[in-house]
Amino acid sequence: MAIIGFLIAGLIIGAIARLIKPGKQNLGWIATLLLGVVGSLIGGIIANLLGTGGIFELNIIGFIVAVVASVLLIGVAESMSGRKNRSVRR
């Protein structure tokens, strides 16, 4: 049951990150889910290092860091897909 909750939280965090990131992202819902889950893990690890809670606990610091990490990950994913598209066009 905890895994399902973690996936739902990852999807929500990924969706919020996509709303914050300006411009149109060419990412599907699975990519949003994966980037949100990775962002959630990063947020949980940083919150744990700061002493605000465990990696899988929901807290405000971890949530904010997870959203910021997801926004950055979306930017990285966009730049990587942009490079792939540019190399095909040349």
PDB file of N, CA and C in Angstrom:
ATOM      1  N   MET A   1       0.821  -1.190   0.000  1.00  0.00           N
ATOM      2  CA  MET A   1       0.000   0.000   0.000  1.00  0.00           C
ATOM      3  C   MET A   1       0.871   1.262   0.000  1.00  0.00           C
ATOM      4  N   ALA A   2       2.034   1.189   0.650  1.00  0.00           N
ATOM      5  CA  ALA A   2       2.922   2.349   0.707  1.00  0.00           C
ATOM      6  C   ALA A   2       3.468   2.689  -0.672  1.00  0.00           C
ATOM      7  N   ILE A   3       3.684   1.669  -1.503  1.00  0.00           N
ATOM      8  CA  ILE A   3       4.204   1.915  -2.850  1.00  0.00           C
ATOM      9  C   ILE A   3       3.176   2.669  -3.682  1.00  0.00           C
ATOM     10  N   ILE A   4       1.910   2.301  -3.548  1.00  0.00           N
ATOM     11  CA  ILE A   4       0.859   3.000  -4.293  1.00  0.00           C
ATOM     12  C   ILE A   4       0.780   4.456  -3.852  1.00  0.00           C
ATOM     13  N   GLY A   5       0.871   4.696  -2.564  1.00  0.00           N
ATOM     14  CA  GLY A   5       0.873   6.065  -2.055  1.00  0.00           C
ATOM     15  C   GLY A   5       2.057   6.866  -2.563  1.00  0.00           C
ATOM     16  N   PHE A   6       3.214   6.208  -2.625  1.00  0.00           N
ATOM     17  CA  PHE A   6       4.414   6.875  -3.116  1.00  0.00           C
ATOM     18  C   PHE A   6       4.277   7.223  -4.598  1.00  0.00           C
ATOM     19  N   LEU A   7       3.681   6.308  -5.385  1.00  0.00           N
ATOM     20  CA  LEU A   7       3.465   6.584  -6.808  1.00  0.00           C
ATOM     21  C   LEU A   7       2.461   7.711  -7.019  1.00  0.00           C
ATOM     22  N   ILE A   8       1.408   7.735  -6.215  1.00  0.00           N
ATOM     23  CA  ILE A   8       0.423   8.820  -6.322  1.00  0.00           C
ATOM     24  C   ILE A   8       1.067  10.151  -5.946  1.00  0.00           C
ATOM     25  N   ALA A   9       1.867  10.159  -4.886  1.00  0.00           N
ATOM     26  CA  ALA A   9       2.568  11.387  -4.493  1.00  0.00           C
ATOM     27  C   ALA A   9       3.530  11.825  -5.592  1.00  0.00           C
ATOM     28  N   GLY A  10       4.220  10.874  -6.227  1.00  0.00           N
ATOM     29  CA  GLY A  10       5.127  11.201  -7.326  1.00  0.00           C
ATOM     30  C   GLY A  10       4.395  11.805  -8.505  1.00  0.00           C
ATOM     31  N   LEU A  11       3.217  11.272  -8.815  1.00  0.00           N
ATOM     32  CA  LEU A  11       2.424  11.815  -9.910  1.00  0.00           C
ATOM     33  C   LEU A  11       1.945  13.226  -9.595  1.00  0.00           C
ATOM     34  N   ILE A  12       1.527  13.454  -8.362  1.00  0.00           N
ATOM     35  CA  ILE A  12       1.077  14.794  -7.958  1.00  0.00           C
ATOM     36  C   ILE A  12       2.242  15.780  -7.985  1.00  0.00           C
ATOM     37  N   ILE A  13       3.384  15.381  -7.467  1.00  0.00           N
ATOM     38  CA  ILE A  13       4.558  16.264  -7.455  1.00  0.00           C
ATOM     39  C   ILE A  13       5.018  16.546  -8.883  1.00  0.00           C
ATOM     40  N   GLY A  14       5.021  15.532  -9.734  1.00  0.00           N
ATOM     41  CA  GLY A  14       5.378  15.738 -11.134  1.00  0.00           C
ATOM     42  C   GLY A  14       4.421  16.677 -11.846  1.00  0.00           C
ATOM     43  N   ALA A  15       3.118  16.545 -11.562  1.00  0.00           N
ATOM     44  CA  ALA A  15       2.128  17.428 -12.173  1.00  0.00           C
ATOM     45  C   ALA A  15       2.299  18.868 -11.704  1.00  0.00           C
ATOM     46  N   ILE A  16       2.560  19.063 -10.422  1.00  0.00           N
ATOM     47  CA  ILE A  16       2.799  20.411  -9.898  1.00  0.00           C
ATOM     48  C   ILE A  16       4.050  21.002 -10.529  1.00  0.00           C
ATOM     49  N   ALA A  17       5.084  20.184 -10.674  1.00  0.00           N
ATOM     50  CA  ALA A  17       6.329  20.662 -11.292  1.00  0.00           C
ATOM     51  C   ALA A  17       6.091  21.081 -12.742  1.00  0.00           C
ATOM     52  N   ARG A  18       5.261  20.331 -13.454  1.00  0.00           N
ATOM     53  CA  ARG A  18       4.952  20.701 -14.848  1.00  0.00           C
ATOM     54  C   ARG A  18       4.148  21.989 -14.910  1.00  0.00           C
ATOM     55  N   LEU A  19       3.302  22.228 -13.910  1.00  0.00           N
ATOM     56  CA  LEU A  19       2.551  23.494 -13.872  1.00  0.00           C
ATOM     57  C   LEU A  19       3.465  24.673 -13.589  1.00  0.00           C
ATOM     58  N   ILE A  20       4.479  24.462 -12.763  1.00  0.00           N
ATOM     59  CA  ILE A  20       5.410  25.537 -12.407  1.00  0.00           C
ATOM     60  C   ILE A  20       6.359  25.837 -13.560  1.00  0.00           C
ATOM     61  N   LYS A  21       6.825  24.802 -14.241  1.00  0.00           N
ATOM     62  CA  LYS A  21       7.787  24.963 -15.344  1.00  0.00           C
ATOM     63  C   LYS A  21       7.109  25.655 -16.514  1.00  0.00           C
ATOM     64  N   PRO A  22       7.643  26.803 -16.953  1.00  0.00           N
ATOM     65  CA  PRO A  22       7.003  27.513 -18.071  1.00  0.00           C
ATOM     66  C   PRO A  22       7.198  26.779 -19.396  1.00  0.00           C
ATOM     67  N   GLY A  23       6.292  27.010 -20.296  1.00  0.00           N
ATOM     68  CA  GLY A  23       6.388  26.423 -21.627  1.00  0.00           C
ATOM     69  C   GLY A  23       5.702  25.072 -21.709  1.00  0.00           C
ATOM     70  N   LYS A  24       5.638  24.555 -22.916  1.00  0.00           N
ATOM     71  CA  LYS A  24       5.001  23.263 -23.151  1.00  0.00           C
ATOM     72  C   LYS A  24       6.044  22.165 -23.043  1.00  0.00           C
ATOM     73  N   GLN A  25       5.756  21.187 -22.210  1.00  0.00           N
ATOM     74  CA  GLN A  25       6.642  20.048 -22.069  1.00  0.00           C
ATOM     75  C   GLN A  25       6.085  18.891 -22.904  1.00  0.00           C
ATOM     76  N   ASN A  26       6.942  18.241 -23.633  1.00  0.00           N
ATOM     77  CA  ASN A  26       6.541  17.087 -24.432  1.00  0.00           C
ATOM     78  C   ASN A  26       6.781  15.814 -23.642  1.00  0.00           C
ATOM     79  N   LEU A  27       6.122  15.715 -22.496  1.00  0.00           N
ATOM     80  CA  LEU A  27       6.266  14.559 -21.621  1.00  0.00           C
ATOM     81  C   LEU A  27       4.894  13.935 -21.406  1.00  0.00           C
ATOM     82  N   GLY A  28       4.836  12.628 -21.432  1.00  0.00           N
ATOM     83  CA  GLY A  28       3.599  11.917 -21.135  1.00  0.00           C
ATOM     84  C   GLY A  28       3.410  11.771 -19.633  1.00  0.00           C
ATOM     85  N   TRP A  29       2.320  11.122 -19.277  1.00  0.00           N
ATOM     86  CA  TRP A  29       2.037  10.981 -17.843  1.00  0.00           C
ATOM     87  C   TRP A  29       2.995  10.002 -17.176  1.00  0.00           C
ATOM     88  N   ILE A  30       3.528   9.049 -17.922  1.00  0.00           N
ATOM     89  CA  ILE A  30       4.498   8.112 -17.318  1.00  0.00           C
ATOM     90  C   ILE A  30       5.815   8.834 -17.024  1.00  0.00           C
ATOM     91  N   ALA A  31       6.256   9.684 -17.945  1.00  0.00           N
ATOM     92  CA  ALA A  31       7.468  10.470 -17.700  1.00  0.00           C
ATOM     93  C   ALA A  31       7.248  11.422 -16.531  1.00  0.00           C
ATOM     94  N   THR A  32       6.053  12.006 -16.446  1.00  0.00           N
ATOM     95  CA  THR A  32       5.718  12.889 -15.322  1.00  0.00           C
ATOM     96  C   THR A  32       5.773  12.103 -14.016  1.00  0.00           C
ATOM     97  N   LEU A  33       5.222  10.899 -14.021  1.00  0.00           N
ATOM     98  CA  LEU A  33       5.235  10.053 -12.836  1.00  0.00           C
ATOM     99  C   LEU A  33       6.660   9.713 -12.424  1.00  0.00           C
ATOM    100  N   LEU A  34       7.477   9.294 -13.374  1.00  0.00           N
ATOM    101  CA  LEU A  34       8.858   8.910 -13.051  1.00  0.00           C
ATOM    102  C   LEU A  34       9.674  10.086 -12.534  1.00  0.00           C
ATOM    103  N   LEU A  35       9.529  11.243 -13.184  1.00  0.00           N
ATOM    104  CA  LEU A  35      10.269  12.427 -12.721  1.00  0.00           C
ATOM    105  C   LEU A  35       9.771  12.876 -11.350  1.00  0.00           C
ATOM    106  N   GLY A  36       8.480  12.747 -11.103  1.00  0.00           N
ATOM    107  CA  GLY A  36       7.931  13.084  -9.794  1.00  0.00           C
ATOM    108  C   GLY A  36       8.421  12.149  -8.707  1.00  0.00           C
ATOM    109  N   VAL A  37       8.506  10.850  -9.028  1.00  0.00           N
ATOM    110  CA  VAL A  37       8.993   9.875  -8.048  1.00  0.00           C
ATOM    111  C   VAL A  37      10.467  10.125  -7.735  1.00  0.00           C
ATOM    112  N   VAL A  38      11.261  10.387  -8.759  1.00  0.00           N
ATOM    113  CA  VAL A  38      12.684  10.687  -8.530  1.00  0.00           C
ATOM    114  C   VAL A  38      12.816  11.981  -7.722  1.00  0.00           C
ATOM    115  N   GLY A  39      12.006  12.990  -8.065  1.00  0.00           N
ATOM    116  CA  GLY A  39      12.016  14.233  -7.286  1.00  0.00           C
ATOM    117  C   GLY A  39      11.606  14.001  -5.847  1.00  0.00           C
ATOM    118  N   SER A  40      10.625  13.112  -5.630  1.00  0.00           N
ATOM    119  CA  SER A  40      10.198  12.774  -4.270  1.00  0.00           C
ATOM    120  C   SER A  40      11.313  12.106  -3.487  1.00  0.00           C
ATOM    121  N   LEU A  41      12.031  11.214  -4.139  1.00  0.00           N
ATOM    122  CA  LEU A  41      13.167  10.575  -3.469  1.00  0.00           C
ATOM    123  C   LEU A  41      14.240  11.590  -3.096  1.00  0.00           C
ATOM    124  N   ILE A  42      14.551  12.486  -4.026  1.00  0.00           N
ATOM    125  CA  ILE A  42      15.545  13.532  -3.743  1.00  0.00           C
ATOM    126  C   ILE A  42      15.070  14.409  -2.592  1.00  0.00           C
ATOM    127  N   GLY A  43      13.803  14.812  -2.632  1.00  0.00           N
ATOM    128  CA  GLY A  43      13.245  15.638  -1.558  1.00  0.00           C
ATOM    129  C   GLY A  43      13.276  14.932  -0.215  1.00  0.00           C
ATOM    130  N   GLY A  44      12.941  13.634  -0.211  1.00  0.00           N
ATOM    131  CA  GLY A  44      12.970  12.867   1.034  1.00  0.00           C
ATOM    132  C   GLY A  44      14.361  12.707   1.588  1.00  0.00           C
ATOM    133  N   ILE A  45      15.313  12.491   0.705  1.00  0.00           N
ATOM    134  CA  ILE A  45      16.703  12.339   1.155  1.00  0.00           C
ATOM    135  C   ILE A  45      17.223  13.643   1.743  1.00  0.00           C
ATOM    136  N   ILE A  46      16.952  14.752   1.071  1.00  0.00           N
ATOM    137  CA  ILE A  46      17.426  16.046   1.584  1.00  0.00           C
ATOM    138  C   ILE A  46      16.729  16.398   2.896  1.00  0.00           C
ATOM    139  N   ALA A  47      15.414  16.131   2.985  1.00  0.00           N
ATOM    140  CA  ALA A  47      14.702  16.388   4.242  1.00  0.00           C
ATOM    141  C   ALA A  47      15.251  15.516   5.360  1.00  0.00           C
ATOM    142  N   ASN A  48      15.604  14.287   5.046  1.00  0.00           N
ATOM    143  CA  ASN A  48      16.187  13.393   6.043  1.00  0.00           C
ATOM    144  C   ASN A  48      17.541  13.912   6.498  1.00  0.00           C
ATOM    145  N   LEU A  49      18.347  14.402   5.554  1.00  0.00           N
ATOM    146  CA  LEU A  49      19.659  14.951   5.917  1.00  0.00           C
ATOM    147  C   LEU A  49      19.523  16.207   6.777  1.00  0.00           C
ATOM    148  N   LEU A  50      18.447  16.974   6.560  1.00  0.00           N
ATOM    149  CA  LEU A  50      18.211  18.174   7.372  1.00  0.00           C
ATOM    150  C   LEU A  50      17.593  17.838   8.723  1.00  0.00           C
ATOM    151  N   GLY A  51      17.177  16.586   8.901  1.00  0.00           N
ATOM    152  CA  GLY A  51      16.622  16.164  10.180  1.00  0.00           C
ATOM    153  C   GLY A  51      15.155  16.477  10.362  1.00  0.00           C
ATOM    154  N   THR A  52      14.410  16.720   9.275  1.00  0.00           N
ATOM    155  CA  THR A  52      12.987  17.044   9.403  1.00  0.00           C
ATOM    156  C   THR A  52      12.088  15.821   9.309  1.00  0.00           C
ATOM    157  N   GLY A  53      12.626  14.667   8.989  1.00  0.00           N
ATOM    158  CA  GLY A  53      11.814  13.456   8.906  1.00  0.00           C
ATOM    159  C   GLY A  53      12.509  12.406   8.079  1.00  0.00           C
ATOM    160  N   GLY A  54      11.848  11.260   7.963  1.00  0.00           N
ATOM    161  CA  GLY A  54      12.397  10.163   7.187  1.00  0.00           C
ATOM    162  C   GLY A  54      12.234  10.395   5.694  1.00  0.00           C
ATOM    163  N   ILE A  55      12.856   9.529   4.918  1.00  0.00           N
ATOM    164  CA  ILE A  55      12.823   9.660   3.464  1.00  0.00           C
ATOM    165  C   ILE A  55      11.405   9.527   2.940  1.00  0.00           C
ATOM    166  N   PHE A  56      10.620   8.621   3.478  1.00  0.00           N
ATOM    167  CA  PHE A  56       9.276   8.365   2.967  1.00  0.00           C
ATOM    168  C   PHE A  56       8.185   9.069   3.762  1.00  0.00           C
ATOM    169  N   GLU A  57       8.552   9.964   4.660  1.00  0.00           N
ATOM    170  CA  GLU A  57       7.568  10.736   5.415  1.00  0.00           C
ATOM    171  C   GLU A  57       7.175  11.973   4.627  1.00  0.00           C
ATOM    172  N   LEU A  58       5.918  12.346   4.752  1.00  0.00           N
ATOM    173  CA  LEU A  58       5.434  13.545   4.091  1.00  0.00           C
ATOM    174  C   LEU A  58       5.638  14.738   5.028  1.00  0.00           C
ATOM    175  N   ASN A  59       6.486  15.677   4.609  1.00  0.00           N
ATOM    176  CA  ASN A  59       6.674  16.904   5.375  1.00  0.00           C
ATOM    177  C   ASN A  59       6.880  18.057   4.394  1.00  0.00           C
ATOM    178  N   ILE A  60       6.741  19.261   4.876  1.00  0.00           N
ATOM    179  CA  ILE A  60       6.732  20.429   4.004  1.00  0.00           C
ATOM    180  C   ILE A  60       8.087  20.668   3.340  1.00  0.00           C
ATOM    181  N   ILE A  61       9.165  20.495   4.070  1.00  0.00           N
ATOM    182  CA  ILE A  61      10.504  20.698   3.489  1.00  0.00           C
ATOM    183  C   ILE A  61      10.751  19.681   2.380  1.00  0.00           C
ATOM    184  N   GLY A  62      10.453  18.424   2.645  1.00  0.00           N
ATOM    185  CA  GLY A  62      10.628  17.388   1.640  1.00  0.00           C
ATOM    186  C   GLY A  62       9.767  17.629   0.415  1.00  0.00           C
ATOM    187  N   PHE A  63       8.526  18.110   0.634  1.00  0.00           N
ATOM    188  CA  PHE A  63       7.623  18.388  -0.481  1.00  0.00           C
ATOM    189  C   PHE A  63       8.154  19.517  -1.359  1.00  0.00           C
ATOM    190  N   ILE A  64       8.605  20.592  -0.729  1.00  0.00           N
ATOM    191  CA  ILE A  64       9.129  21.735  -1.491  1.00  0.00           C
ATOM    192  C   ILE A  64      10.376  21.334  -2.271  1.00  0.00           C
ATOM    193  N   VAL A  65      11.286  20.618  -1.627  1.00  0.00           N
ATOM    194  CA  VAL A  65      12.504  20.175  -2.312  1.00  0.00           C
ATOM    195  C   VAL A  65      12.149  19.205  -3.437  1.00  0.00           C
ATOM    196  N   ALA A  66      11.154  18.348  -3.217  1.00  0.00           N
ATOM    197  CA  ALA A  66      10.739  17.395  -4.253  1.00  0.00           C
ATOM    198  C   ALA A  66      10.195  18.118  -5.478  1.00  0.00           C
ATOM    199  N   VAL A  67       9.399  19.152  -5.269  1.00  0.00           N
ATOM    200  CA  VAL A  67       8.852  19.909  -6.399  1.00  0.00           C
ATOM    201  C   VAL A  67       9.977  20.629  -7.142  1.00  0.00           C
ATOM    202  N   VAL A  68      10.883  21.258  -6.415  1.00  0.00           N
ATOM    203  CA  VAL A  68      12.003  21.957  -7.053  1.00  0.00           C
ATOM    204  C   VAL A  68      12.875  20.964  -7.831  1.00  0.00           C
ATOM    205  N   ALA A  69      13.161  19.820  -7.232  1.00  0.00           N
ATOM    206  CA  ALA A  69      13.965  18.800  -7.916  1.00  0.00           C
ATOM    207  C   ALA A  69      13.248  18.302  -9.167  1.00  0.00           C
ATOM    208  N   SER A  70      11.938  18.144  -9.096  1.00  0.00           N
ATOM    209  CA  SER A  70      11.177  17.682 -10.252  1.00  0.00           C
ATOM    210  C   SER A  70      11.176  18.716 -11.368  1.00  0.00           C
ATOM    211  N   VAL A  71      11.081  20.001 -11.010  1.00  0.00           N
ATOM    212  CA  VAL A  71      11.155  21.055 -12.025  1.00  0.00           C
ATOM    213  C   VAL A  71      12.508  20.996 -12.730  1.00  0.00           C
ATOM    214  N   LEU A  72      13.569  20.845 -11.958  1.00  0.00           N
ATOM    215  CA  LEU A  72      14.907  20.741 -12.557  1.00  0.00           C
ATOM    216  C   LEU A  72      15.036  19.492 -13.420  1.00  0.00           C
ATOM    217  N   LEU A  73      14.473  18.380 -12.974  1.00  0.00           N
ATOM    218  CA  LEU A  73      14.527  17.148 -13.753  1.00  0.00           C
ATOM    219  C   LEU A  73      13.738  17.269 -15.056  1.00  0.00           C
ATOM    220  N   ILE A  74      12.623  17.980 -15.026  1.00  0.00           N
ATOM    221  CA  ILE A  74      11.854  18.215 -16.251  1.00  0.00           C
ATOM    222  C   ILE A  74      12.685  19.036 -17.230  1.00  0.00           C
ATOM    223  N   GLY A  75      13.394  20.031 -16.728  1.00  0.00           N
ATOM    224  CA  GLY A  75      14.272  20.820 -17.587  1.00  0.00           C
ATOM    225  C   GLY A  75      15.363  19.973 -18.212  1.00  0.00           C
ATOM    226  N   VAL A  76      15.940  19.068 -17.426  1.00  0.00           N
ATOM    227  CA  VAL A  76      16.974  18.173 -17.954  1.00  0.00           C
ATOM    228  C   VAL A  76      16.375  17.241 -19.008  1.00  0.00           C
ATOM    229  N   ALA A  77      15.198  16.698 -18.726  1.00  0.00           N
ATOM    230  CA  ALA A  77      14.549  15.795 -19.681  1.00  0.00           C
ATOM    231  C   ALA A  77      14.213  16.521 -20.979  1.00  0.00           C
ATOM    232  N   GLU A  78      13.761  17.771 -20.874  1.00  0.00           N
ATOM    233  CA  GLU A  78      13.470  18.560 -22.077  1.00  0.00           C
ATOM    234  C   GLU A  78      14.729  18.810 -22.890  1.00  0.00           C
ATOM    235  N   SER A  79      15.822  19.156 -22.216  1.00  0.00           N
ATOM    236  CA  SER A  79      17.054  19.442 -22.949  1.00  0.00           C
ATOM    237  C   SER A  79      17.604  18.188 -23.613  1.00  0.00           C
ATOM    238  N   MET A  80      17.456  17.046 -22.960  1.00  0.00           N
ATOM    239  CA  MET A  80      17.929  15.800 -23.560  1.00  0.00           C
ATOM    240  C   MET A  80      17.072  15.418 -24.766  1.00  0.00           C
ATOM    241  N   SER A  81      15.770  15.603 -24.668  1.00  0.00           N
ATOM    242  CA  SER A  81      14.913  15.278 -25.813  1.00  0.00           C
ATOM    243  C   SER A  81      15.103  16.297 -26.921  1.00  0.00           C
ATOM    244  N   GLY A  82      15.432  17.540 -26.572  1.00  0.00           N
ATOM    245  CA  GLY A  82      15.702  18.564 -27.575  1.00  0.00           C
ATOM    246  C   GLY A  82      16.955  18.258 -28.358  1.00  0.00           C
ATOM    247  N   ARG A  83      17.974  17.738 -27.683  1.00  0.00           N
ATOM    248  CA  ARG A  83      19.218  17.353 -28.372  1.00  0.00           C
ATOM    249  C   ARG A  83      18.959  16.220 -29.343  1.00  0.00           C
ATOM    250  N   LYS A  84      18.144  15.267 -28.924  1.00  0.00           N
ATOM    251  CA  LYS A  84      17.845  14.131 -29.784  1.00  0.00           C
ATOM    252  C   LYS A  84      17.095  14.601 -31.030  1.00  0.00           C
ATOM    253  N   ASN A  85      16.141  15.514 -30.862  1.00  0.00           N
ATOM    254  CA  ASN A  85      15.383  16.028 -31.996  1.00  0.00           C
ATOM    255  C   ASN A  85      16.245  16.863 -32.912  1.00  0.00           C
ATOM    256  N   ARG A  86      17.192  17.638 -32.371  1.00  0.00           N
ATOM    257  CA  ARG A  86      18.063  18.462 -33.199  1.00  0.00           C
ATOM    258  C   ARG A  86      19.005  17.610 -34.039  1.00  0.00           C
ATOM    259  N   SER A  87      19.492  16.522 -33.469  1.00  0.00           N
ATOM    260  CA  SER A  87      20.430  15.695 -34.211  1.00  0.00           C
ATOM    261  C   SER A  87      19.718  14.981 -35.369  1.00  0.00           C
ATOM    262  N   VAL A  88      18.433  14.710 -35.240  1.00  0.00           N
ATOM    263  CA  VAL A  88      17.679  14.052 -36.302  1.00  0.00           C
ATOM    264  C   VAL A  88      17.430  15.032 -37.437  1.00  0.00           C
ATOM    265  N   ARG A  89      17.198  16.291 -37.118  1.00  0.00           N
ATOM    266  CA  ARG A  89      16.861  17.298 -38.125  1.00  0.00           C
ATOM    267  C   ARG A  89      18.035  17.686 -38.983  1.00  0.00           C
ATOM    268  N   ARG A  90      19.252  17.550 -38.511  1.00  0.00           N
ATOM    269  CA  ARG A  90      20.423  18.000 -39.263  1.00  0.00           C
ATOM    270  C   ARG A  90      20.738  17.115 -40.386  1.00  0.00           C
TER     271      ARG A  90
END
